[in-house]
């Protein structure tokens, strides 16, 4: 078997709180993600989903345990990682073309070559003809397409996505999910996709990791044995989809209740 693209071994992450205390976001978390695998992470609010992405990316260091990407310990921001955030990470003063070309130019590509690559990726995400527009002239879905092009133009081996479509309306979100699967299928990237939406996780992923209420650790790992290619709007009607949903929700429900009761208690204090 191929070596894992991503490994987290016994990872714990603690943060100092403003009142001088310690908050444990993750506790003894262990997971492996294979090269080219699409994995989703679900769990209640505050369970450490985004923290997991920050550890993989090198933006945060573990308090205990080990994180490795492509077999190498993560000691900074590894090469070959793309990150798509919940909020738009575009330069508002740059056009679509210059936003997408920014990655190749940063890596030293001549301007003409960077723009040629950018035009290709802009066309791939369905934005041909919008190269000269600025972000404020685009819809939310179009800005998400720019964000995908910005990440994928760099040929990432690892693509981290932190609730990238949560702010979109339902119809646009479905279009973007299908767009993501189409673009991902033409790459060899491993994807780690964080979402609160269990249906989205199942529709997109090969495996779903379920985290406990904070401090987060792995409560369950679920194979999504649905055929590819997938249409995320139609795959939800398959009986197997409903079976997988029920299996995950039966375990997720308890963690959501734990998180909810903690929030109520904290609000009452």
C-alpha atoms as a PDB file:
ATOM      1  CA  UNK A   1       0.000   0.000   0.000  1.00  0.00           C
ATOM      2  CA  UNK A   2       1.079   3.558  -0.692  1.00  0.00           C
ATOM      3  CA  UNK A   3       2.276   5.605   2.252  1.00  0.00           C
ATOM      4  CA  UNK A   4      -0.358   7.973   3.670  1.00  0.00           C
ATOM      5  CA  UNK A   5      -0.476  11.469   2.244  1.00  0.00           C
ATOM      6  CA  UNK A   6      -1.457  12.804   5.678  1.00  0.00           C
ATOM      7  CA  UNK A   7      -0.870  11.293   9.115  1.00  0.00           C
ATOM      8  CA  UNK A   8      -1.858  12.550  12.536  1.00  0.00           C
ATOM      9  CA  UNK A   9      -0.640  10.356  15.407  1.00  0.00           C
ATOM     10  CA  UNK A  10      -1.890  10.905  18.949  1.00  0.00           C
ATOM     11  CA  UNK A  11      -2.295  14.629  18.313  1.00  0.00           C
ATOM     12  CA  UNK A  12      -3.353  16.945  21.109  1.00  0.00           C
ATOM     13  CA  UNK A  13      -3.724  20.682  20.650  1.00  0.00           C
ATOM     14  CA  UNK A  14      -4.084  23.125  23.540  1.00  0.00           C
ATOM     15  CA  UNK A  15      -4.604  26.884  23.420  1.00  0.00           C
ATOM     16  CA  UNK A  16      -4.101  29.496  26.119  1.00  0.00           C
ATOM     17  CA  UNK A  17      -7.337  31.331  26.966  1.00  0.00           C
ATOM     18  CA  UNK A  18      -7.619  35.089  27.682  1.00  0.00           C
ATOM     19  CA  UNK A  19      -8.265  34.409  31.367  1.00  0.00           C
ATOM     20  CA  UNK A  20      -5.031  32.458  31.722  1.00  0.00           C
ATOM     21  CA  UNK A  21      -6.515  28.989  31.424  1.00  0.00           C
ATOM     22  CA  UNK A  22      -5.909  26.202  28.934  1.00  0.00           C
ATOM     23  CA  UNK A  23      -8.410  25.070  26.308  1.00  0.00           C
ATOM     24  CA  UNK A  24      -7.907  21.638  24.727  1.00  0.00           C
ATOM     25  CA  UNK A  25      -9.263  21.625  21.189  1.00  0.00           C
ATOM     26  CA  UNK A  26      -8.065  18.132  20.177  1.00  0.00           C
ATOM     27  CA  UNK A  27      -7.140  15.158  22.339  1.00  0.00           C
ATOM     28  CA  UNK A  28      -5.198  12.095  21.144  1.00  0.00           C
ATOM     29  CA  UNK A  29      -6.457  12.376  17.564  1.00  0.00           C
ATOM     30  CA  UNK A  30      -5.189   9.807  15.071  1.00  0.00           C
ATOM     31  CA  UNK A  31      -6.082   9.659  11.360  1.00  0.00           C
ATOM     32  CA  UNK A  32      -4.549   8.701   8.022  1.00  0.00           C
ATOM     33  CA  UNK A  33      -5.520   9.939   4.564  1.00  0.00           C
ATOM     34  CA  UNK A  34      -4.317   8.166   1.430  1.00  0.00           C
ATOM     35  CA  UNK A  35      -2.905   9.844  -1.692  1.00  0.00           C
ATOM     36  CA  UNK A  36      -5.760  10.992  -3.895  1.00  0.00           C
ATOM     37  CA  UNK A  37      -8.405  10.319  -1.247  1.00  0.00           C
ATOM     38  CA  UNK A  38     -11.279  12.733  -0.590  1.00  0.00           C
ATOM     39  CA  UNK A  39     -12.084  12.811   3.131  1.00  0.00           C
ATOM     40  CA  UNK A  40     -14.587  14.888   5.053  1.00  0.00           C
ATOM     41  CA  UNK A  41     -14.522  15.816   8.725  1.00  0.00           C
ATOM     42  CA  UNK A  42     -17.800  16.360  10.573  1.00  0.00           C
ATOM     43  CA  UNK A  43     -18.643  17.036  14.191  1.00  0.00           C
ATOM     44  CA  UNK A  44     -20.408  19.512  16.459  1.00  0.00           C
ATOM     45  CA  UNK A  45     -19.377  23.135  16.816  1.00  0.00           C
ATOM     46  CA  UNK A  46     -16.091  23.503  18.691  1.00  0.00           C
ATOM     47  CA  UNK A  47     -14.876  19.947  18.142  1.00  0.00           C
ATOM     48  CA  UNK A  48     -11.594  20.963  16.486  1.00  0.00           C
ATOM     49  CA  UNK A  49     -12.375  20.471  12.792  1.00  0.00           C
ATOM     50  CA  UNK A  50     -10.700  23.699  11.661  1.00  0.00           C
ATOM     51  CA  UNK A  51      -7.857  23.137  14.128  1.00  0.00           C
ATOM     52  CA  UNK A  52      -7.166  19.808  12.410  1.00  0.00           C
ATOM     53  CA  UNK A  53      -6.731  21.622   9.091  1.00  0.00           C
ATOM     54  CA  UNK A  54      -4.459  24.199  10.725  1.00  0.00           C
ATOM     55  CA  UNK A  55      -2.217  21.395  12.042  1.00  0.00           C
ATOM     56  CA  UNK A  56      -2.000  19.682   8.652  1.00  0.00           C
ATOM     57  CA  UNK A  57      -1.158  22.988   6.968  1.00  0.00           C
ATOM     58  CA  UNK A  58       1.540  23.862   9.488  1.00  0.00           C
ATOM     59  CA  UNK A  59      -0.258  27.042  10.561  1.00  0.00           C
ATOM     60  CA  UNK A  60      -0.436  25.510  14.046  1.00  0.00           C
ATOM     61  CA  UNK A  61       1.914  23.109  15.831  1.00  0.00           C
ATOM     62  CA  UNK A  62       0.591  20.208  17.935  1.00  0.00           C
ATOM     63  CA  UNK A  63       0.955  20.375  21.713  1.00  0.00           C
ATOM     64  CA  UNK A  64       1.603  16.613  21.647  1.00  0.00           C
ATOM     65  CA  UNK A  65       1.744  13.932  18.984  1.00  0.00           C
ATOM     66  CA  UNK A  66       2.974  14.006  15.389  1.00  0.00           C
ATOM     67  CA  UNK A  67       1.703  15.388  12.092  1.00  0.00           C
ATOM     68  CA  UNK A  68       3.241  14.294   8.787  1.00  0.00           C
ATOM     69  CA  UNK A  69       2.524  15.224   5.168  1.00  0.00           C
ATOM     70  CA  UNK A  70       3.878  13.008   2.404  1.00  0.00           C
ATOM     71  CA  UNK A  71       5.936  11.140   4.985  1.00  0.00           C
ATOM     72  CA  UNK A  72       7.679  14.249   6.318  1.00  0.00           C
ATOM     73  CA  UNK A  73       7.057  15.789   9.746  1.00  0.00           C
ATOM     74  CA  UNK A  74       5.217  19.092   9.512  1.00  0.00           C
ATOM     75  CA  UNK A  75       7.576  21.703  10.921  1.00  0.00           C
ATOM     76  CA  UNK A  76       6.358  24.684   8.924  1.00  0.00           C
ATOM     77  CA  UNK A  77       4.001  25.167   5.998  1.00  0.00           C
ATOM     78  CA  UNK A  78       4.689  22.183   3.682  1.00  0.00           C
ATOM     79  CA  UNK A  79       5.080  22.588  -0.040  1.00  0.00           C
ATOM     80  CA  UNK A  80       2.182  21.469  -2.166  1.00  0.00           C
ATOM     81  CA  UNK A  81      -0.695  22.474   0.119  1.00  0.00           C
ATOM     82  CA  UNK A  82      -3.723  24.427  -1.069  1.00  0.00           C
ATOM     83  CA  UNK A  83      -6.144  25.980   1.421  1.00  0.00           C
ATOM     84  CA  UNK A  84      -9.684  27.141   0.609  1.00  0.00           C
ATOM     85  CA  UNK A  85     -11.270  29.078   3.460  1.00  0.00           C
ATOM     86  CA  UNK A  86     -14.879  29.762   4.380  1.00  0.00           C
ATOM     87  CA  UNK A  87     -14.415  33.452   3.624  1.00  0.00           C
ATOM     88  CA  UNK A  88     -13.156  34.642   0.248  1.00  0.00           C
ATOM     89  CA  UNK A  89      -9.374  34.878   0.106  1.00  0.00           C
ATOM     90  CA  UNK A  90      -9.114  37.006  -3.016  1.00  0.00           C
ATOM     91  CA  UNK A  91      -7.287  40.284  -3.504  1.00  0.00           C
ATOM     92  CA  UNK A  92     -10.087  42.863  -3.903  1.00  0.00           C
ATOM     93  CA  UNK A  93      -7.861  45.228  -5.896  1.00  0.00           C
ATOM     94  CA  UNK A  94      -6.882  42.591  -8.470  1.00  0.00           C
ATOM     95  CA  UNK A  95      -8.871  41.283 -11.418  1.00  0.00           C
ATOM     96  CA  UNK A  96      -9.909  37.646 -11.692  1.00  0.00           C
ATOM     97  CA  UNK A  97      -6.969  37.049 -14.036  1.00  0.00           C
ATOM     98  CA  UNK A  98      -4.419  38.602 -11.689  1.00  0.00           C
ATOM     99  CA  UNK A  99      -5.900  36.832  -8.658  1.00  0.00           C
ATOM    100  CA  UNK A 100      -5.556  33.423 -10.278  1.00  0.00           C
ATOM    101  CA  UNK A 101      -2.120  34.224 -11.728  1.00  0.00           C
ATOM    102  CA  UNK A 102      -0.805  35.295  -8.306  1.00  0.00           C
ATOM    103  CA  UNK A 103       0.268  31.762  -7.300  1.00  0.00           C
ATOM    104  CA  UNK A 104       2.436  31.015 -10.347  1.00  0.00           C
ATOM    105  CA  UNK A 105       3.921  34.513 -10.212  1.00  0.00           C
ATOM    106  CA  UNK A 106       4.794  34.062  -6.542  1.00  0.00           C
ATOM    107  CA  UNK A 107       6.585  30.827  -7.480  1.00  0.00           C
ATOM    108  CA  UNK A 108       8.647  32.659 -10.081  1.00  0.00           C
ATOM    109  CA  UNK A 109       6.759  32.101 -13.343  1.00  0.00           C
ATOM    110  CA  UNK A 110       7.104  34.931 -15.875  1.00  0.00           C
ATOM    111  CA  UNK A 111       4.051  37.171 -16.098  1.00  0.00           C
ATOM    112  CA  UNK A 112       2.981  35.955 -19.536  1.00  0.00           C
ATOM    113  CA  UNK A 113       3.268  32.298 -18.514  1.00  0.00           C
ATOM    114  CA  UNK A 114       1.403  32.899 -15.251  1.00  0.00           C
ATOM    115  CA  UNK A 115      -1.423  34.650 -17.080  1.00  0.00           C
ATOM    116  CA  UNK A 116      -1.635  31.855 -19.652  1.00  0.00           C
ATOM    117  CA  UNK A 117      -1.973  29.278 -16.877  1.00  0.00           C
ATOM    118  CA  UNK A 118      -4.530  31.490 -15.157  1.00  0.00           C
ATOM    119  CA  UNK A 119      -6.655  31.792 -18.308  1.00  0.00           C
ATOM    120  CA  UNK A 120      -6.689  28.006 -18.601  1.00  0.00           C
ATOM    121  CA  UNK A 121      -7.875  27.547 -15.003  1.00  0.00           C
ATOM    122  CA  UNK A 122     -10.390  30.373 -15.266  1.00  0.00           C
ATOM    123  CA  UNK A 123     -11.925  28.534 -18.217  1.00  0.00           C
ATOM    124  CA  UNK A 124     -11.904  25.244 -16.283  1.00  0.00           C
ATOM    125  CA  UNK A 125     -13.955  26.751 -13.472  1.00  0.00           C
ATOM    126  CA  UNK A 126     -16.432  28.268 -15.915  1.00  0.00           C
ATOM    127  CA  UNK A 127     -15.379  31.910 -15.708  1.00  0.00           C
ATOM    128  CA  UNK A 128     -14.050  32.497 -19.229  1.00  0.00           C
ATOM    129  CA  UNK A 129     -14.985  36.040 -20.192  1.00  0.00           C
ATOM    130  CA  UNK A 130     -14.719  37.329 -16.630  1.00  0.00           C
ATOM    131  CA  UNK A 131     -10.937  37.690 -16.550  1.00  0.00           C
ATOM    132  CA  UNK A 132     -11.061  41.480 -16.255  1.00  0.00           C
ATOM    133  CA  UNK A 133     -13.719  41.635 -13.522  1.00  0.00           C
ATOM    134  CA  UNK A 134     -12.916  42.580  -9.949  1.00  0.00           C
ATOM    135  CA  UNK A 135     -14.179  40.482  -6.992  1.00  0.00           C
ATOM    136  CA  UNK A 136     -16.881  42.995  -6.046  1.00  0.00           C
ATOM    137  CA  UNK A 137     -18.360  42.553  -9.521  1.00  0.00           C
ATOM    138  CA  UNK A 138     -18.832  38.790  -9.018  1.00  0.00           C
ATOM    139  CA  UNK A 139     -21.503  36.745  -7.289  1.00  0.00           C
ATOM    140  CA  UNK A 140     -20.632  34.625  -4.256  1.00  0.00           C
ATOM    141  CA  UNK A 141     -20.498  31.463  -6.341  1.00  0.00           C
ATOM    142  CA  UNK A 142     -18.232  33.107  -8.897  1.00  0.00           C
ATOM    143  CA  UNK A 143     -15.833  34.221  -6.168  1.00  0.00           C
ATOM    144  CA  UNK A 144     -15.729  30.623  -4.911  1.00  0.00           C
ATOM    145  CA  UNK A 145     -14.787  29.531  -8.441  1.00  0.00           C
ATOM    146  CA  UNK A 146     -11.958  32.055  -8.373  1.00  0.00           C
ATOM    147  CA  UNK A 147     -10.828  30.599  -5.050  1.00  0.00           C
ATOM    148  CA  UNK A 148     -10.796  27.066  -6.473  1.00  0.00           C
ATOM    149  CA  UNK A 149      -8.791  28.207  -9.477  1.00  0.00           C
ATOM    150  CA  UNK A 150      -6.359  30.053  -7.190  1.00  0.00           C
ATOM    151  CA  UNK A 151      -5.677  26.848  -5.273  1.00  0.00           C
ATOM    152  CA  UNK A 152      -5.725  24.282  -8.070  1.00  0.00           C
ATOM    153  CA  UNK A 153      -3.500  26.260 -10.445  1.00  0.00           C
ATOM    154  CA  UNK A 154      -0.624  25.493  -8.068  1.00  0.00           C
ATOM    155  CA  UNK A 155      -1.077  21.730  -8.471  1.00  0.00           C
ATOM    156  CA  UNK A 156      -1.467  20.996  -4.746  1.00  0.00           C
ATOM    157  CA  UNK A 157      -0.859  17.473  -3.489  1.00  0.00           C
ATOM    158  CA  UNK A 158      -3.034  18.319  -0.480  1.00  0.00           C
ATOM    159  CA  UNK A 159      -6.181  20.464  -0.696  1.00  0.00           C
ATOM    160  CA  UNK A 160      -7.642  21.657   2.617  1.00  0.00           C
ATOM    161  CA  UNK A 161     -11.162  23.097   2.528  1.00  0.00           C
ATOM    162  CA  UNK A 162     -12.786  24.732   5.556  1.00  0.00           C
ATOM    163  CA  UNK A 163     -16.560  24.969   4.958  1.00  0.00           C
ATOM    164  CA  UNK A 164     -15.916  26.658   1.600  1.00  0.00           C
ATOM    165  CA  UNK A 165     -19.539  26.645   0.392  1.00  0.00           C
ATOM    166  CA  UNK A 166     -21.432  27.313   3.624  1.00  0.00           C
ATOM    167  CA  UNK A 167     -22.340  30.907   2.724  1.00  0.00           C
ATOM    168  CA  UNK A 168     -23.847  30.023  -0.651  1.00  0.00           C
ATOM    169  CA  UNK A 169     -27.512  29.470  -1.452  1.00  0.00           C
ATOM    170  CA  UNK A 170     -28.602  25.857  -1.880  1.00  0.00           C
ATOM    171  CA  UNK A 171     -28.646  25.836  -5.681  1.00  0.00           C
ATOM    172  CA  UNK A 172     -25.259  27.535  -6.047  1.00  0.00           C
ATOM    173  CA  UNK A 173     -23.808  25.282  -3.379  1.00  0.00           C
ATOM    174  CA  UNK A 174     -24.867  22.169  -5.302  1.00  0.00           C
ATOM    175  CA  UNK A 175     -23.318  23.534  -8.487  1.00  0.00           C
ATOM    176  CA  UNK A 176     -20.058  24.270  -6.674  1.00  0.00           C
ATOM    177  CA  UNK A 177     -19.954  20.813  -5.073  1.00  0.00           C
ATOM    178  CA  UNK A 178     -20.271  19.188  -8.497  1.00  0.00           C
ATOM    179  CA  UNK A 179     -17.680  21.592  -9.887  1.00  0.00           C
ATOM    180  CA  UNK A 180     -15.281  20.630  -7.113  1.00  0.00           C
ATOM    181  CA  UNK A 181     -15.701  16.899  -7.787  1.00  0.00           C
ATOM    182  CA  UNK A 182     -15.109  17.412 -11.513  1.00  0.00           C
ATOM    183  CA  UNK A 183     -11.950  19.444 -10.927  1.00  0.00           C
ATOM    184  CA  UNK A 184     -10.655  17.091  -8.222  1.00  0.00           C
ATOM    185  CA  UNK A 185     -11.136  14.043 -10.461  1.00  0.00           C
ATOM    186  CA  UNK A 186      -8.585  15.479 -12.896  1.00  0.00           C
ATOM    187  CA  UNK A 187      -5.944  15.803 -10.154  1.00  0.00           C
ATOM    188  CA  UNK A 188      -4.188  13.431  -7.765  1.00  0.00           C
ATOM    189  CA  UNK A 189      -4.745  15.671  -4.755  1.00  0.00           C
ATOM    190  CA  UNK A 190      -5.790  14.398  -1.344  1.00  0.00           C
ATOM    191  CA  UNK A 191      -8.681  16.498  -0.039  1.00  0.00           C
ATOM    192  CA  UNK A 192      -9.650  17.165   3.572  1.00  0.00           C
ATOM    193  CA  UNK A 193     -13.040  18.884   3.592  1.00  0.00           C
ATOM    194  CA  UNK A 194     -14.502  20.310   6.811  1.00  0.00           C
ATOM    195  CA  UNK A 195     -18.256  20.783   6.936  1.00  0.00           C
ATOM    196  CA  UNK A 196     -21.185  20.989   9.357  1.00  0.00           C
ATOM    197  CA  UNK A 197     -23.426  19.515   6.646  1.00  0.00           C
ATOM    198  CA  UNK A 198     -23.536  15.730   6.910  1.00  0.00           C
ATOM    199  CA  UNK A 199     -25.266  15.369   3.527  1.00  0.00           C
ATOM    200  CA  UNK A 200     -22.499  17.402   1.893  1.00  0.00           C
ATOM    201  CA  UNK A 201     -19.834  15.253   3.531  1.00  0.00           C
ATOM    202  CA  UNK A 202     -21.363  11.996   2.295  1.00  0.00           C
ATOM    203  CA  UNK A 203     -22.073  13.315  -1.209  1.00  0.00           C
ATOM    204  CA  UNK A 204     -18.462  14.408  -1.710  1.00  0.00           C
ATOM    205  CA  UNK A 205     -16.190  12.098   0.250  1.00  0.00           C
ATOM    206  CA  UNK A 206     -14.634   8.640   0.077  1.00  0.00           C
ATOM    207  CA  UNK A 207     -14.520   8.567   3.881  1.00  0.00           C
ATOM    208  CA  UNK A 208     -16.092  10.610   6.652  1.00  0.00           C
ATOM    209  CA  UNK A 209     -14.315  11.184   9.975  1.00  0.00           C
ATOM    210  CA  UNK A 210     -16.616  11.962  12.901  1.00  0.00           C
ATOM    211  CA  UNK A 211     -15.118  13.970  15.775  1.00  0.00           C
ATOM    212  CA  UNK A 212     -16.451  14.007  19.314  1.00  0.00           C
ATOM    213  CA  UNK A 213     -17.579  17.152  21.087  1.00  0.00           C
ATOM    214  CA  UNK A 214     -14.477  19.066  22.197  1.00  0.00           C
ATOM    215  CA  UNK A 215     -11.848  18.139  22.953  1.00  0.00           C
ATOM    216  CA  UNK A 216     -12.184  16.437  19.607  1.00  0.00           C
ATOM    217  CA  UNK A 217     -10.985  12.936  18.882  1.00  0.00           C
ATOM    218  CA  UNK A 218     -12.089  10.336  16.350  1.00  0.00           C
ATOM    219  CA  UNK A 219     -15.400   8.776  17.331  1.00  0.00           C
ATOM    220  CA  UNK A 220     -15.908   6.924  14.055  1.00  0.00           C
ATOM    221  CA  UNK A 221     -14.679   6.550  10.494  1.00  0.00           C
ATOM    222  CA  UNK A 222     -17.194   5.728   7.775  1.00  0.00           C
ATOM    223  CA  UNK A 223     -16.526   4.450   4.253  1.00  0.00           C
ATOM    224  CA  UNK A 224     -18.704   6.068   1.599  1.00  0.00           C
ATOM    225  CA  UNK A 225     -19.079   3.271  -0.926  1.00  0.00           C
ATOM    226  CA  UNK A 226     -21.112   5.268  -3.433  1.00  0.00           C
ATOM    227  CA  UNK A 227     -20.098   5.124  -7.102  1.00  0.00           C
ATOM    228  CA  UNK A 228     -18.155   7.854  -8.859  1.00  0.00           C
ATOM    229  CA  UNK A 229     -18.591  10.081 -10.774  1.00  0.00           C
ATOM    230  CA  UNK A 230     -21.318  11.555  -8.597  1.00  0.00           C
ATOM    231  CA  UNK A 231     -23.993  14.161  -9.046  1.00  0.00           C
ATOM    232  CA  UNK A 232     -24.419  15.501  -5.524  1.00  0.00           C
ATOM    233  CA  UNK A 233     -28.053  16.486  -6.093  1.00  0.00           C
ATOM    234  CA  UNK A 234     -29.019  13.014  -7.290  1.00  0.00           C
ATOM    235  CA  UNK A 235     -26.788  10.787  -5.148  1.00  0.00           C
ATOM    236  CA  UNK A 236     -28.865  11.749  -2.097  1.00  0.00           C
ATOM    237  CA  UNK A 237     -31.784   9.710  -3.463  1.00  0.00           C
ATOM    238  CA  UNK A 238     -29.854   6.444  -3.464  1.00  0.00           C
ATOM    239  CA  UNK A 239     -30.867   3.992  -0.706  1.00  0.00           C
ATOM    240  CA  UNK A 240     -27.218   3.475   0.221  1.00  0.00           C
ATOM    241  CA  UNK A 241     -26.841   7.227   0.834  1.00  0.00           C
ATOM    242  CA  UNK A 242     -29.662   7.086   3.372  1.00  0.00           C
ATOM    243  CA  UNK A 243     -28.060   4.088   5.090  1.00  0.00           C
ATOM    244  CA  UNK A 244     -24.709   5.854   5.439  1.00  0.00           C
ATOM    245  CA  UNK A 245     -26.420   9.019   6.665  1.00  0.00           C
ATOM    246  CA  UNK A 246     -28.320   7.104   9.338  1.00  0.00           C
ATOM    247  CA  UNK A 247     -25.178   5.280  10.510  1.00  0.00           C
ATOM    248  CA  UNK A 248     -23.228   8.525  10.940  1.00  0.00           C
ATOM    249  CA  UNK A 249     -26.116  10.537  12.376  1.00  0.00           C
ATOM    250  CA  UNK A 250     -26.790   7.913  15.033  1.00  0.00           C
ATOM    251  CA  UNK A 251     -23.335   8.689  16.431  1.00  0.00           C
ATOM    252  CA  UNK A 252     -23.167  12.389  15.558  1.00  0.00           C
ATOM    253  CA  UNK A 253     -26.483  13.163  17.276  1.00  0.00           C
ATOM    254  CA  UNK A 254     -25.112  12.400  20.749  1.00  0.00           C
ATOM    255  CA  UNK A 255     -22.088  14.647  20.204  1.00  0.00           C
ATOM    256  CA  UNK A 256     -24.291  17.498  18.959  1.00  0.00           C
ATOM    257  CA  UNK A 257     -26.409  17.206  22.113  1.00  0.00           C
ATOM    258  CA  UNK A 258     -23.312  17.261  24.333  1.00  0.00           C
ATOM    259  CA  UNK A 259     -22.038  20.380  22.569  1.00  0.00           C
ATOM    260  CA  UNK A 260     -25.449  22.064  22.798  1.00  0.00           C
ATOM    261  CA  UNK A 261     -25.761  21.429  26.533  1.00  0.00           C
ATOM    262  CA  UNK A 262     -22.254  22.821  27.103  1.00  0.00           C
ATOM    263  CA  UNK A 263     -23.126  25.977  25.191  1.00  0.00           C
ATOM    264  CA  UNK A 264     -26.318  26.435  27.210  1.00  0.00           C
ATOM    265  CA  UNK A 265     -24.396  25.990  30.457  1.00  0.00           C
ATOM    266  CA  UNK A 266     -21.687  28.434  29.382  1.00  0.00           C
ATOM    267  CA  UNK A 267     -24.304  31.019  28.419  1.00  0.00           C
ATOM    268  CA  UNK A 268     -26.000  30.680  31.791  1.00  0.00           C
ATOM    269  CA  UNK A 269     -22.795  31.149  33.802  1.00  0.00           C
END
